[in-house]
């Protein structure tokens, strides 16, 4: 996947999600679309709150994907304000890592859908800690998968 522009439906979903963002404190609306491993599309937007512990667009898109029953990420698109690349924050990089493969593309795009930056999971979060780092008998893994 080395496209130079996001698919038209992804671009529309990004613009719509960013348009619905609630960013009264930062003035930095963000939209994200996660492509599930089954090809489904899941959008999210950032939601800020007064105590500064809001939800990132990527986290919202991943939550929508999980709610739909999809457990793997094929690709991630992120659209911030203006023409400046808006890469996922550290927390969202770890969230993406949970459901992505090392070569999953994470792309920042502009309003026209042009890919500004393209990363894979390994370069965005090298030497990441993931589920495979937990011991098989870990209580955290007991409920995995469902």
Protein backbone atom coordinates (compact mmCIF):
# COMPACT_ATOMS: atom_id res chain seq x y z
CA UNK A 1 0.00 0.00 0.00
CA UNK A 2 1.97 2.97 -1.27
CA UNK A 3 -0.75 5.27 -2.47
CA UNK A 4 -0.18 9.01 -2.73
CA UNK A 5 -3.80 9.91 -1.98
CA UNK A 6 -6.38 8.44 0.35
CA UNK A 7 -9.35 6.67 -1.27
CA UNK A 8 -12.26 9.06 -1.88
CA UNK A 9 -14.50 7.42 0.73
CA UNK A 10 -11.73 7.64 3.34
CA UNK A 11 -11.15 11.32 2.51
CA UNK A 12 -14.87 12.07 2.91
CA UNK A 13 -14.97 10.19 6.23
CA UNK A 14 -11.88 12.05 7.47
CA UNK A 15 -13.33 15.44 6.61
CA UNK A 16 -16.68 14.55 8.20
CA UNK A 17 -15.04 13.22 11.38
CA UNK A 18 -12.75 16.22 11.72
CA UNK A 19 -15.79 18.46 11.19
CA UNK A 20 -17.47 16.79 14.16
CA UNK A 21 -14.44 17.09 16.47
CA UNK A 22 -14.95 18.85 19.78
CA UNK A 23 -11.78 20.89 20.29
CA UNK A 24 -12.76 24.12 22.12
CA UNK A 25 -9.54 24.28 24.17
CA UNK A 26 -6.84 23.52 21.64
CA UNK A 27 -8.62 24.58 18.46
CA UNK A 28 -6.95 21.52 16.87
CA UNK A 29 -9.69 19.31 15.36
CA UNK A 30 -8.55 15.89 14.15
CA UNK A 31 -10.27 13.13 12.22
CA UNK A 32 -9.04 9.57 11.86
CA UNK A 33 -10.10 6.55 9.87
CA UNK A 34 -8.95 3.04 10.70
CA UNK A 35 -9.25 0.40 8.00
CA UNK A 36 -10.02 -2.92 9.66
CA UNK A 37 -8.37 -6.13 8.59
CA UNK A 38 -11.67 -7.02 6.90
CA UNK A 39 -11.63 -3.79 4.85
CA UNK A 40 -14.24 -2.02 6.99
CA UNK A 41 -13.83 1.69 7.73
CA UNK A 42 -14.15 3.20 11.21
CA UNK A 43 -13.97 6.94 11.86
CA UNK A 44 -13.21 8.90 14.99
CA UNK A 45 -12.65 12.50 16.04
CA UNK A 46 -10.94 14.09 18.99
CA UNK A 47 -13.12 15.06 21.94
CA UNK A 48 -11.59 17.48 24.42
CA UNK A 49 -12.86 18.05 27.94
CA UNK A 50 -12.16 20.78 30.48
CA UNK A 51 -9.80 18.68 32.61
CA UNK A 52 -7.56 18.05 29.52
CA UNK A 53 -8.00 14.27 29.41
CA UNK A 54 -9.84 14.02 26.14
CA UNK A 55 -10.01 11.31 23.53
CA UNK A 56 -7.87 11.36 20.41
CA UNK A 57 -9.38 10.77 16.98
CA UNK A 58 -7.35 7.58 16.54
CA UNK A 59 -8.59 6.22 19.88
CA UNK A 60 -12.17 6.94 18.85
CA UNK A 61 -11.70 5.19 15.50
CA UNK A 62 -10.16 2.15 17.19
CA UNK A 63 -13.02 2.04 19.70
CA UNK A 64 -15.53 2.13 16.82
CA UNK A 65 -13.63 -0.69 15.12
CA UNK A 66 -13.70 -2.79 18.28
CA UNK A 67 -17.41 -2.08 18.81
CA UNK A 68 -18.02 -3.38 15.29
CA UNK A 69 -16.25 -6.63 16.19
CA UNK A 70 -13.13 -6.07 14.10
CA UNK A 71 -9.86 -6.88 15.85
CA UNK A 72 -7.09 -5.99 13.38
CA UNK A 73 -5.91 -2.80 11.66
CA UNK A 74 -4.94 -2.80 7.99
CA UNK A 75 -4.24 0.96 7.71
CA UNK A 76 -4.68 4.27 9.57
CA UNK A 77 -5.36 7.72 8.11
CA UNK A 78 -5.17 10.93 10.16
CA UNK A 79 -6.29 14.44 9.16
CA UNK A 80 -5.48 17.46 11.30
CA UNK A 81 -6.12 21.14 10.68
CA UNK A 82 -4.34 22.88 7.82
CA UNK A 83 -1.79 21.23 5.60
CA UNK A 84 0.54 20.18 8.40
CA UNK A 85 1.09 16.44 9.05
CA UNK A 86 -0.71 15.34 12.21
CA UNK A 87 0.92 12.13 13.41
CA UNK A 88 -0.59 10.06 16.23
CA UNK A 89 0.47 10.91 19.78
CA UNK A 90 2.45 8.41 21.84
CA UNK A 91 -0.64 6.93 23.51
CA UNK A 92 -2.32 6.40 20.15
CA UNK A 93 0.82 4.88 18.66
CA UNK A 94 0.63 2.26 21.40
CA UNK A 95 -3.11 1.77 20.81
CA UNK A 96 -2.54 1.29 17.09
CA UNK A 97 0.32 -1.11 17.85
CA UNK A 98 -2.02 -3.34 19.84
CA UNK A 99 -4.03 -4.18 16.71
CA UNK A 100 -1.54 -3.56 13.87
CA UNK A 101 1.32 -5.46 12.30
CA UNK A 102 4.85 -4.00 12.02
CA UNK A 103 4.19 -2.99 8.40
CA UNK A 104 0.74 -1.44 8.93
CA UNK A 105 0.77 1.96 7.19
CA UNK A 106 -0.10 5.05 9.23
CA UNK A 107 -0.70 8.02 6.95
CA UNK A 108 -1.25 11.69 7.60
CA UNK A 109 -3.19 13.43 4.86
CA UNK A 110 -4.23 16.94 3.88
CA UNK A 111 -7.76 18.19 3.13
CA UNK A 112 -7.47 16.97 -0.46
CA UNK A 113 -6.55 13.48 0.69
CA UNK A 114 -2.92 13.79 -0.40
CA UNK A 115 -0.65 11.64 1.77
CA UNK A 116 1.78 13.99 3.52
CA UNK A 117 3.62 11.38 5.58
CA UNK A 118 3.55 7.60 5.49
CA UNK A 119 4.97 5.54 8.32
CA UNK A 120 4.81 1.88 9.18
CA UNK A 121 4.23 0.73 12.73
CA UNK A 122 7.84 -0.30 13.24
CA UNK A 123 9.20 3.16 12.35
CA UNK A 124 6.47 5.03 14.23
CA UNK A 125 6.95 3.03 17.42
CA UNK A 126 10.20 1.02 17.27
CA UNK A 127 10.83 -1.73 19.81
CA UNK A 128 7.23 -1.47 20.96
CA UNK A 129 5.81 -3.49 23.84
CA UNK A 130 2.88 -5.60 22.73
CA UNK A 131 0.71 -8.55 23.71
CA UNK A 132 3.44 -11.00 22.75
CA UNK A 133 5.62 -9.51 25.49
CA UNK A 134 3.25 -10.74 28.19
CA UNK A 135 3.62 -14.20 29.67
CA UNK A 136 0.97 -16.63 28.36
CA UNK A 137 -0.38 -17.20 31.88
CA UNK A 138 -0.76 -13.47 32.56
CA UNK A 139 -4.16 -12.57 34.08
CA UNK A 140 -4.29 -9.70 31.57
CA UNK A 141 -4.35 -12.22 28.72
CA UNK A 142 -6.92 -14.54 30.28
CA UNK A 143 -9.83 -12.61 28.77
CA UNK A 144 -8.15 -11.86 25.45
CA UNK A 145 -10.02 -12.57 22.27
CA UNK A 146 -13.47 -11.77 23.20
